[in-house]
C-alpha atoms as a PDB file:
ATOM      1  CA  MET A   1     141.898   0.333 169.704  1.00  0.00           C
ATOM      2  CA  ILE A   2     140.666  -0.163 166.405  1.00  0.00           C
ATOM      3  CA  SER A   3     140.407  -3.799 166.935  1.00  0.00           C
ATOM      4  CA  ILE A   4     138.355  -2.985 169.382  1.00  0.00           C
ATOM      5  CA  VAL A   5     136.082  -0.800 168.189  1.00  0.00           C
ATOM      6  CA  SER A   6     135.567  -3.269 164.921  1.00  0.00           C
ATOM      7  CA  CYS A   7     134.609  -6.076 167.559  1.00  0.00           C
ATOM      8  CA  ALA A   8     132.146  -4.053 169.414  1.00  0.00           C
ATOM      9  CA  ALA A   9     130.512  -3.017 165.927  1.00  0.00           C
ATOM     10  CA  ARG A  10     130.637  -6.965 164.783  1.00  0.00           C
ATOM     11  CA  LYS A  11     128.533  -8.008 168.089  1.00  0.00           C
ATOM     12  CA  HIS A  12     126.274  -5.075 167.643  1.00  0.00           C
ATOM     13  CA  MET A  13     125.389  -6.264 164.102  1.00  0.00           C
ATOM     14  CA  VAL A  14     124.990  -9.931 165.156  1.00  0.00           C
ATOM     15  CA  LYS A  15     122.914  -8.862 168.238  1.00  0.00           C
ATOM     16  CA  THR A  16     120.359  -6.717 166.396  1.00  0.00           C
ATOM     17  CA  ASP A  17     120.351  -8.779 163.220  1.00  0.00           C
ATOM     18  CA  SER A  18     119.685  -5.821 161.287  1.00  0.00           C
ATOM     19  CA  VAL A  19     120.001  -4.994 157.886  1.00  0.00           C
ATOM     20  CA  ALA A  20     122.677  -2.138 157.194  1.00  0.00           C
ATOM     21  CA  THR A  21     121.236   0.898 155.562  1.00  0.00           C
ATOM     22  CA  THR A  22     122.794   3.753 154.279  1.00  0.00           C
ATOM     23  CA  THR A  23     121.770   7.152 155.920  1.00  0.00           C
ATOM     24  CA  ALA A  24     121.489  10.769 153.656  1.00  0.00           C
ATOM     25  CA  ILE A  25     123.824  13.501 155.725  1.00  0.00           C
ATOM     26  CA  ALA A  26     122.058  16.567 155.338  1.00  0.00           C
ATOM     27  CA  VAL A  27     124.638  19.609 153.907  1.00  0.00           C
ATOM     28  CA  PRO A  28     124.001  22.965 155.425  1.00  0.00           C
ATOM     29  CA  VAL A  29     122.927  25.193 153.088  1.00  0.00           C
ATOM     30  CA  LYS A  30     124.122  28.952 152.820  1.00  0.00           C
ATOM     31  CA  PRO A  31     121.438  31.187 153.210  1.00  0.00           C
ATOM     32  CA  ILE A  32     120.815  33.787 150.576  1.00  0.00           C
ATOM     33  CA  ASN A  33     122.284  37.113 151.730  1.00  0.00           C
ATOM     34  CA  ASN A  34     119.550  39.330 151.273  1.00  0.00           C
ATOM     35  CA  VAL A  35     121.442  42.108 151.071  1.00  0.00           C
ATOM     36  CA  GLU A  36     123.893  41.032 148.305  1.00  0.00           C
ATOM     37  CA  THR A  37     121.231  40.272 146.486  1.00  0.00           C
ATOM     38  CA  LYS A  38     119.529  43.959 146.521  1.00  0.00           C
ATOM     39  CA  LEU A  39     123.083  45.420 145.958  1.00  0.00           C
ATOM     40  CA  ALA A  40     123.160  43.082 142.389  1.00  0.00           C
ATOM     41  CA  PRO A  41     121.234  45.975 140.484  1.00  0.00           C
ATOM     42  CA  ILE A  42     122.931  48.808 142.029  1.00  0.00           C
ATOM     43  CA  ARG A  43     126.150  47.218 140.778  1.00  0.00           C
ATOM     44  CA  ALA A  44     124.805  46.606 137.660  1.00  0.00           C
ATOM     45  CA  GLN A  45     124.018  50.398 136.865  1.00  0.00           C
ATOM     46  CA  GLN A  46     127.052  51.682 137.528  1.00  0.00           C
ATOM     47  CA  VAL A  47     129.624  53.151 134.876  1.00  0.00           C
ATOM     48  CA  SER A  48     131.317  50.324 132.990  1.00  0.00           C
ATOM     49  CA  PHE A  49     134.344  51.587 130.759  1.00  0.00           C
ATOM     50  CA  ASN A  50     137.999  50.879 129.639  1.00  0.00           C
ATOM     51  CA  THR A  51     138.527  54.571 129.242  1.00  0.00           C
ATOM     52  CA  PHE A  52     136.778  57.708 129.748  1.00  0.00           C
ATOM     53  CA  SER A  53     137.281  61.277 129.082  1.00  0.00           C
ATOM     54  CA  GLY A  54     135.407  64.033 130.009  1.00  0.00           C
ATOM     55  CA  LYS A  55     135.535  68.076 130.071  1.00  0.00           C
ATOM     56  CA  ALA A  56     134.052  69.938 132.949  1.00  0.00           C
ATOM     57  CA  LYS A  57     133.740  73.559 133.898  1.00  0.00           C
ATOM     58  CA  THR A  58     134.725  73.897 137.188  1.00  0.00           C
ATOM     59  CA  ASN A  59     135.048  76.355 140.342  1.00  0.00           C
ATOM     60  CA  LEU A  60     137.648  74.920 142.621  1.00  0.00           C
ATOM     61  CA  ASP A  61     138.112  76.706 146.235  1.00  0.00           C
ATOM     62  CA  ILE A  62     140.457  75.311 148.753  1.00  0.00           C
ATOM     63  CA  ASN A  63     140.747  76.862 152.014  1.00  0.00           C
ATOM     64  CA  GLY A  64     138.507  80.036 150.835  1.00  0.00           C
ATOM     65  CA  ASN A  65     141.094  80.734 147.489  1.00  0.00           C
ATOM     66  CA  SER A  66     138.413  80.192 144.811  1.00  0.00           C
ATOM     67  CA  ASN A  67     139.394  79.994 141.359  1.00  0.00           C
ATOM     68  CA  ASP A  68     137.269  78.997 137.882  1.00  0.00           C
ATOM     69  CA  CYS A  69     138.811  76.399 135.468  1.00  0.00           C
ATOM     70  CA  THR A  70     138.440  74.003 132.747  1.00  0.00           C
ATOM     71  CA  LEU A  71     138.857  69.835 133.966  1.00  0.00           C
ATOM     72  CA  ASN A  72     140.044  67.833 131.121  1.00  0.00           C
ATOM     73  CA  ILE A  73     140.048  64.608 132.483  1.00  0.00           C
ATOM     74  CA  ARG A  74     141.048  61.088 131.153  1.00  0.00           C
ATOM     75  CA  ILE A  75     141.007  57.708 132.823  1.00  0.00           C
ATOM     76  CA  SER A  76     142.140  54.307 131.918  1.00  0.00           C
ATOM     77  CA  ASN A  77     139.980  52.149 134.256  1.00  0.00           C
ATOM     78  CA  ASN A  78     141.507  51.276 137.349  1.00  0.00           C
ATOM     79  CA  LYS A  79     145.588  52.063 136.314  1.00  0.00           C
ATOM     80  CA  LYS A  80     145.108  55.996 136.315  1.00  0.00           C
ATOM     81  CA  ILE A  81     143.448  59.098 136.154  1.00  0.00           C
ATOM     82  CA  TRP A  82     145.170  62.274 134.009  1.00  0.00           C
ATOM     83  CA  VAL A  83     143.689  65.823 134.614  1.00  0.00           C
ATOM     84  CA  SER A  84     144.833  69.054 132.613  1.00  0.00           C
ATOM     85  CA  ILE A  85     143.760  72.168 134.379  1.00  0.00           C
ATOM     86  CA  THR A  86     143.364  75.111 132.241  1.00  0.00           C
ATOM     87  CA  ALA A  87     142.251  78.581 132.720  1.00  0.00           C
ATOM     88  CA  LEU A  88     141.031  81.402 130.749  1.00  0.00           C
ATOM     89  CA  LEU A  89     142.220  81.412 127.223  1.00  0.00           C
ATOM     90  CA  GLY A  90     142.704  77.653 127.664  1.00  0.00           C
ATOM     91  CA  ILE A  91     146.283  78.177 129.447  1.00  0.00           C
ATOM     92  CA  GLU A  92     147.387  75.072 130.796  1.00  0.00           C
ATOM     93  CA  VAL A  93     148.362  75.858 134.313  1.00  0.00           C
ATOM     94  CA  ALA A  94     148.745  72.497 135.599  1.00  0.00           C
ATOM     95  CA  ARG A  95     148.516  68.817 134.824  1.00  0.00           C
ATOM     96  CA  ALA A  96     148.174  66.155 137.421  1.00  0.00           C
ATOM     97  CA  GLN A  97     148.492  62.261 136.857  1.00  0.00           C
ATOM     98  CA  ILE A  98     147.094  59.934 139.585  1.00  0.00           C
ATOM     99  CA  THR A  99     147.442  56.052 140.051  1.00  0.00           C
ATOM    100  CA  PRO A 100     146.853  53.515 143.113  1.00  0.00           C
ATOM    101  CA  ASP A 101     150.111  54.284 144.285  1.00  0.00           C
ATOM    102  CA  SER A 102     151.170  57.913 143.473  1.00  0.00           C
ATOM    103  CA  ILE A 103     150.344  61.482 142.430  1.00  0.00           C
ATOM    104  CA  MET A 104     152.467  63.394 140.005  1.00  0.00           C
ATOM    105  CA  VAL A 105     151.423  67.426 139.527  1.00  0.00           C
ATOM    106  CA  ILE A 106     153.531  69.890 137.414  1.00  0.00           C
ATOM    107  CA  ASN A 107     152.737  73.696 138.062  1.00  0.00           C
ATOM    108  CA  ARG A 108     153.209  75.593 135.205  1.00  0.00           C
ATOM    109  CA  LEU A 109     152.438  78.827 136.722  1.00  0.00           C
ATOM    110  CA  GLN A 110     155.131  78.560 139.188  1.00  0.00           C
ATOM    111  CA  GLY A 111     157.677  76.233 137.510  1.00  0.00           C
ATOM    112  CA  THR A 112     157.325  73.312 139.840  1.00  0.00           C
ATOM    113  CA  TYR A 113     156.698  69.979 140.202  1.00  0.00           C
ATOM    114  CA  LEU A 114     155.357  67.504 142.982  1.00  0.00           C
ATOM    115  CA  LYS A 115     156.037  64.001 142.845  1.00  0.00           C
ATOM    116  CA  LYS A 116     154.411  61.730 145.908  1.00  0.00           C
ATOM    117  CA  PRO A 117     152.799  58.473 147.176  1.00  0.00           C
ATOM    118  CA  PHE A 118     149.581  58.332 146.875  1.00  0.00           C
ATOM    119  CA  ASN A 119     149.157  59.140 151.099  1.00  0.00           C
ATOM    120  CA  PHE A 120     149.906  62.770 149.794  1.00  0.00           C
ATOM    121  CA  ILE A 121     146.081  62.929 149.214  1.00  0.00           C
ATOM    122  CA  TYR A 122     145.131  62.705 152.764  1.00  0.00           C
ATOM    123  CA  ASN A 123     146.187  66.018 153.391  1.00  0.00           C
ATOM    124  CA  TYR A 124     143.283  66.866 151.997  1.00  0.00           C
ATOM    125  CA  ALA A 125     140.835  63.981 151.929  1.00  0.00           C
ATOM    126  CA  ASN A 126     139.636  61.156 154.503  1.00  0.00           C
ATOM    127  CA  LYS A 127     142.671  58.543 155.121  1.00  0.00           C
ATOM    128  CA  GLN A 128     140.285  55.822 153.954  1.00  0.00           C
ATOM    129  CA  VAL A 129     139.945  57.728 150.473  1.00  0.00           C
ATOM    130  CA  ASN A 130     141.653  55.472 147.565  1.00  0.00           C
ATOM    131  CA  TYR A 131     142.185  55.293 143.662  1.00  0.00           C
ATOM    132  CA  ALA A 132     139.205  53.308 143.479  1.00  0.00           C
ATOM    133  CA  MET A 133     137.220  55.802 145.285  1.00  0.00           C
ATOM    134  CA  LEU A 134     138.652  58.794 143.105  1.00  0.00           C
ATOM    135  CA  GLN A 135     137.515  57.101 140.329  1.00  0.00           C
ATOM    136  CA  ALA A 136     134.388  56.308 140.942  1.00  0.00           C
ATOM    137  CA  LEU A 137     133.495  60.246 142.195  1.00  0.00           C
ATOM    138  CA  LEU A 138     134.712  61.186 138.900  1.00  0.00           C
ATOM    139  CA  VAL A 139     132.254  59.383 137.129  1.00  0.00           C
ATOM    140  CA  GLY A 140     129.187  59.147 139.411  1.00  0.00           C
ATOM    141  CA  ASN A 141     129.488  55.655 140.280  1.00  0.00           C
ATOM    142  CA  ALA A 142     128.755  54.144 143.953  1.00  0.00           C
ATOM    143  CA  ILE A 143     132.177  53.602 146.310  1.00  0.00           C
ATOM    144  CA  PRO A 144     132.830  50.155 145.587  1.00  0.00           C
ATOM    145  CA  SER A 145     133.876  49.227 149.311  1.00  0.00           C
ATOM    146  CA  LEU A 146     130.860  50.653 150.386  1.00  0.00           C
ATOM    147  CA  LEU A 147     128.705  48.456 148.772  1.00  0.00           C
ATOM    148  CA  ASN A 148     129.257  45.013 150.850  1.00  0.00           C
ATOM    149  CA  ASP A 149     127.210  42.813 152.798  1.00  0.00           C
ATOM    150  CA  SER A 150     127.212  44.833 155.947  1.00  0.00           C
ATOM    151  CA  THR A 151     125.377  47.510 154.610  1.00  0.00           C
ATOM    152  CA  VAL A 152     122.097  48.329 156.046  1.00  0.00           C
ATOM    153  CA  TYR A 153     119.486  48.861 153.204  1.00  0.00           C
ATOM    154  CA  GLU A 154     116.880  51.173 153.377  1.00  0.00           C
ATOM    155  CA  GLU A 155     114.203  51.877 150.984  1.00  0.00           C
ATOM    156  CA  VAL A 156     112.612  55.446 151.717  1.00  0.00           C
ATOM    157  CA  ASN A 157     110.663  57.843 149.991  1.00  0.00           C
ATOM    158  CA  ASN A 158     111.391  56.135 146.345  1.00  0.00           C
ATOM    159  CA  ASN A 159     115.024  56.309 147.202  1.00  0.00           C
ATOM    160  CA  ILE A 160     117.266  53.937 148.161  1.00  0.00           C
ATOM    161  CA  ASN A 161     119.253  54.467 151.491  1.00  0.00           C
ATOM    162  CA  LEU A 162     122.619  52.514 152.063  1.00  0.00           C
ATOM    163  CA  SER A 163     124.424  53.129 155.248  1.00  0.00           C
ATOM    164  CA  GLY A 164     127.063  51.226 157.858  1.00  0.00           C
ATOM    165  CA  ASN A 165     130.836  52.061 159.215  1.00  0.00           C
ATOM    166  CA  LEU A 166     133.663  51.279 157.334  1.00  0.00           C
ATOM    167  CA  GLN A 167     137.089  51.604 159.262  1.00  0.00           C
ATOM    168  CA  ASP A 168     135.375  54.119 161.651  1.00  0.00           C
ATOM    169  CA  ILE A 169     133.849  55.754 158.624  1.00  0.00           C
ATOM    170  CA  MET A 170     130.547  56.734 158.723  1.00  0.00           C
ATOM    171  CA  TYR A 171     128.835  56.746 155.162  1.00  0.00           C
ATOM    172  CA  LYS A 172     125.669  56.661 154.056  1.00  0.00           C
ATOM    173  CA  LEU A 173     124.518  56.485 150.202  1.00  0.00           C
ATOM    174  CA  ILE A 174     121.267  57.825 148.611  1.00  0.00           C
ATOM    175  CA  LEU A 175     120.416  56.245 145.359  1.00  0.00           C
ATOM    176  CA  GLY A 176     117.462  57.344 142.937  1.00  0.00           C
ATOM    177  CA  ASN A 177     114.976  54.501 141.745  1.00  0.00           C
ATOM    178  CA  ASP A 178     117.019  54.083 138.467  1.00  0.00           C
ATOM    179  CA  PHE A 179     119.598  52.614 140.914  1.00  0.00           C
ATOM    180  CA  LYS A 180     122.171  55.640 140.126  1.00  0.00           C
ATOM    181  CA  VAL A 181     123.838  57.556 143.554  1.00  0.00           C
ATOM    182  CA  THR A 182     122.841  61.102 143.960  1.00  0.00           C
ATOM    183  CA  GLN A 183     124.387  61.625 147.230  1.00  0.00           C
ATOM    184  CA  THR A 184     127.408  60.062 149.255  1.00  0.00           C
ATOM    185  CA  SER A 185     128.321  60.822 152.634  1.00  0.00           C
ATOM    186  CA  LEU A 186     131.559  59.694 154.297  1.00  0.00           C
ATOM    187  CA  ALA A 187     132.537  61.403 157.939  1.00  0.00           C
ATOM    188  CA  ASN A 188     134.869  60.477 160.965  1.00  0.00           C
ATOM    189  CA  ASP A 189     133.910  63.003 163.871  1.00  0.00           C
ATOM    190  CA  LYS A 190     137.027  61.580 165.783  1.00  0.00           C
ATOM    191  CA  GLN A 191     139.564  62.532 163.487  1.00  0.00           C
ATOM    192  CA  GLY A 192     137.278  65.892 161.742  1.00  0.00           C
ATOM    193  CA  GLN A 193     137.262  64.571 158.400  1.00  0.00           C
ATOM    194  CA  SER A 194     134.331  64.830 156.053  1.00  0.00           C
ATOM    195  CA  LEU A 195     133.641  64.346 152.482  1.00  0.00           C
ATOM    196  CA  GLN A 196     130.080  64.711 150.821  1.00  0.00           C
ATOM    197  CA  ILE A 197     129.287  64.438 147.044  1.00  0.00           C
ATOM    198  CA  LYS A 198     126.296  65.268 145.241  1.00  0.00           C
ATOM    199  CA  TYR A 199     125.524  64.249 141.917  1.00  0.00           C
ATOM    200  CA  ASP A 200     122.588  65.561 139.710  1.00  0.00           C
ATOM    201  CA  SER A 201     121.590  66.525 136.010  1.00  0.00           C
ATOM    202  CA  PHE A 202     122.009  63.142 134.647  1.00  0.00           C
ATOM    203  CA  THR A 203     122.720  62.301 130.987  1.00  0.00           C
ATOM    204  CA  ALA A 204     123.245  59.689 128.857  1.00  0.00           C
ATOM    205  CA  SER A 205     126.143  58.842 126.496  1.00  0.00           C
ATOM    206  CA  ALA A 206     127.258  55.636 124.825  1.00  0.00           C
ATOM    207  CA  GLY A 207     124.391  54.307 126.648  1.00  0.00           C
ATOM    208  CA  GLN A 208     126.401  54.614 129.828  1.00  0.00           C
ATOM    209  CA  LYS A 209     123.882  57.269 132.428  1.00  0.00           C
ATOM    210  CA  MET A 210     126.331  59.438 134.375  1.00  0.00           C
ATOM    211  CA  PRO A 211     125.443  63.140 136.295  1.00  0.00           C
ATOM    212  CA  SER A 212     126.801  65.967 134.423  1.00  0.00           C
ATOM    213  CA  GLN A 213     126.776  67.980 137.642  1.00  0.00           C
ATOM    214  CA  ILE A 214     129.305  66.983 140.986  1.00  0.00           C
ATOM    215  CA  ASN A 215     129.611  68.919 143.324  1.00  0.00           C
ATOM    216  CA  ILE A 216     132.123  68.018 146.212  1.00  0.00           C
ATOM    217  CA  ALA A 217     133.172  69.097 149.506  1.00  0.00           C
ATOM    218  CA  SER A 218     136.073  67.776 152.100  1.00  0.00           C
ATOM    219  CA  THR A 219     137.374  68.507 155.297  1.00  0.00           C
ATOM    220  CA  ALA A 220     140.640  67.513 156.596  1.00  0.00           C
ATOM    221  CA  ASN A 221     143.801  68.119 158.297  1.00  0.00           C
ATOM    222  CA  ASN A 222     142.039  72.077 158.781  1.00  0.00           C
ATOM    223  CA  ASN A 223     142.163  71.941 154.938  1.00  0.00           C
ATOM    224  CA  LYS A 224     138.712  72.470 153.090  1.00  0.00           C
ATOM    225  CA  VAL A 225     138.197  71.605 149.727  1.00  0.00           C
ATOM    226  CA  HIS A 226     134.835  72.401 147.452  1.00  0.00           C
ATOM    227  CA  VAL A 227     134.864  71.583 143.692  1.00  0.00           C
ATOM    228  CA  ASN A 228     131.614  71.836 141.531  1.00  0.00           C
ATOM    229  CA  MET A 229     131.787  70.268 138.423  1.00  0.00           C
ATOM    230  CA  HIS A 230     129.792  70.850 135.429  1.00  0.00           C
ATOM    231  CA  TYR A 231     130.732  68.294 132.611  1.00  0.00           C
ATOM    232  CA  ILE A 232     129.658  69.470 129.252  1.00  0.00           C
ATOM    233  CA  ARG A 233     131.456  66.770 127.219  1.00  0.00           C
ATOM    234  CA  VAL A 234     132.086  62.695 127.844  1.00  0.00           C
ATOM    235  CA  ASP A 235     133.274  60.078 125.916  1.00  0.00           C
ATOM    236  CA  PHE A 236     133.787  56.415 126.710  1.00  0.00           C
ATOM    237  CA  ASN A 237     136.062  53.722 125.209  1.00  0.00           C
ATOM    238  CA  GLN A 238     137.770  55.975 122.794  1.00  0.00           C
ATOM    239  CA  PRO A 239     141.561  55.870 122.271  1.00  0.00           C
ATOM    240  CA  GLN A 240     143.282  58.401 123.953  1.00  0.00           C
ATOM    241  CA  ASP A 241     146.950  58.978 125.321  1.00  0.00           C
ATOM    242  CA  TYR A 242     148.105  60.534 129.031  1.00  0.00           C
ATOM    243  CA  PRO A 243     150.979  62.647 128.281  1.00  0.00           C
ATOM    244  CA  PHE A 244     153.117  63.360 131.067  1.00  0.00           C
ATOM    245  CA  SER A 245     156.462  64.698 131.220  1.00  0.00           C
ATOM    246  CA  ILE A 246     158.564  67.364 133.597  1.00  0.00           C
ATOM    247  CA  PRO A 247     160.336  69.930 131.861  1.00  0.00           C
ATOM    248  CA  ASN A 248     164.072  70.057 132.929  1.00  0.00           C
ATOM    249  CA  ASP A 249     164.455  73.233 134.223  1.00  0.00           C
ATOM    250  CA  TYR A 250     161.132  72.626 136.699  1.00  0.00           C
ATOM    251  CA  THR A 251     162.343  72.587 140.503  1.00  0.00           C
ATOM    252  CA  PRO A 252     160.593  69.762 142.924  1.00  0.00           C
ATOM    253  CA  GLN A 253     158.248  71.223 145.234  1.00  0.00           C
ATOM    254  CA  ASN A 254     157.898  69.878 148.597  1.00  0.00           C
END
């Protein structure tokens, strides 16, 4: 078969008596993704850090049980979130440590502790919630997975609206003209799950602009959680530790 093709090629060249030429082959150029181009300045305005610490006056309401407390939050970027919850007179009532695959909580009022895989949080939040979402939420960043090339990008009344569907979750983000997120909404109507976040009163610290007021409302599995946080202090990229040890006489909580 190779000899037949070669012979035919020789006959064709002799018959036409033409000069062999080289023809350039056009290589298709990947079109520029317009949405990705528009998302670039949004990504550039996200809070960036190695470590974060903040102190927030907070009202925590779980299924109608409301309590005022103070959250002392420390974050090692993409590794762990450490939270100490104090009540009146600065007495610590609970301490928590969250990593991408686990949740641990010490309840000092009841002398108990909790050790669970990360998916334990799905009792109180959407199943699409992951560690990256929680970390973004606490510093006022856009949830990373929502900044994707299938997002619908709209400019409305000096705001930017980003919306779409992510694993059966309908989402919408509203950003100001400074590319900072002011509202985030996640909803799964079939599962009766929703997460609403509002950011307000933006301040600057160490060159980073973030909200000092964060309001969170979550509904999942008949559990309703409302958290109103007001940061009174934030710091970035300072040395910090994450002490977490369970007393020997504490009992595990189911």
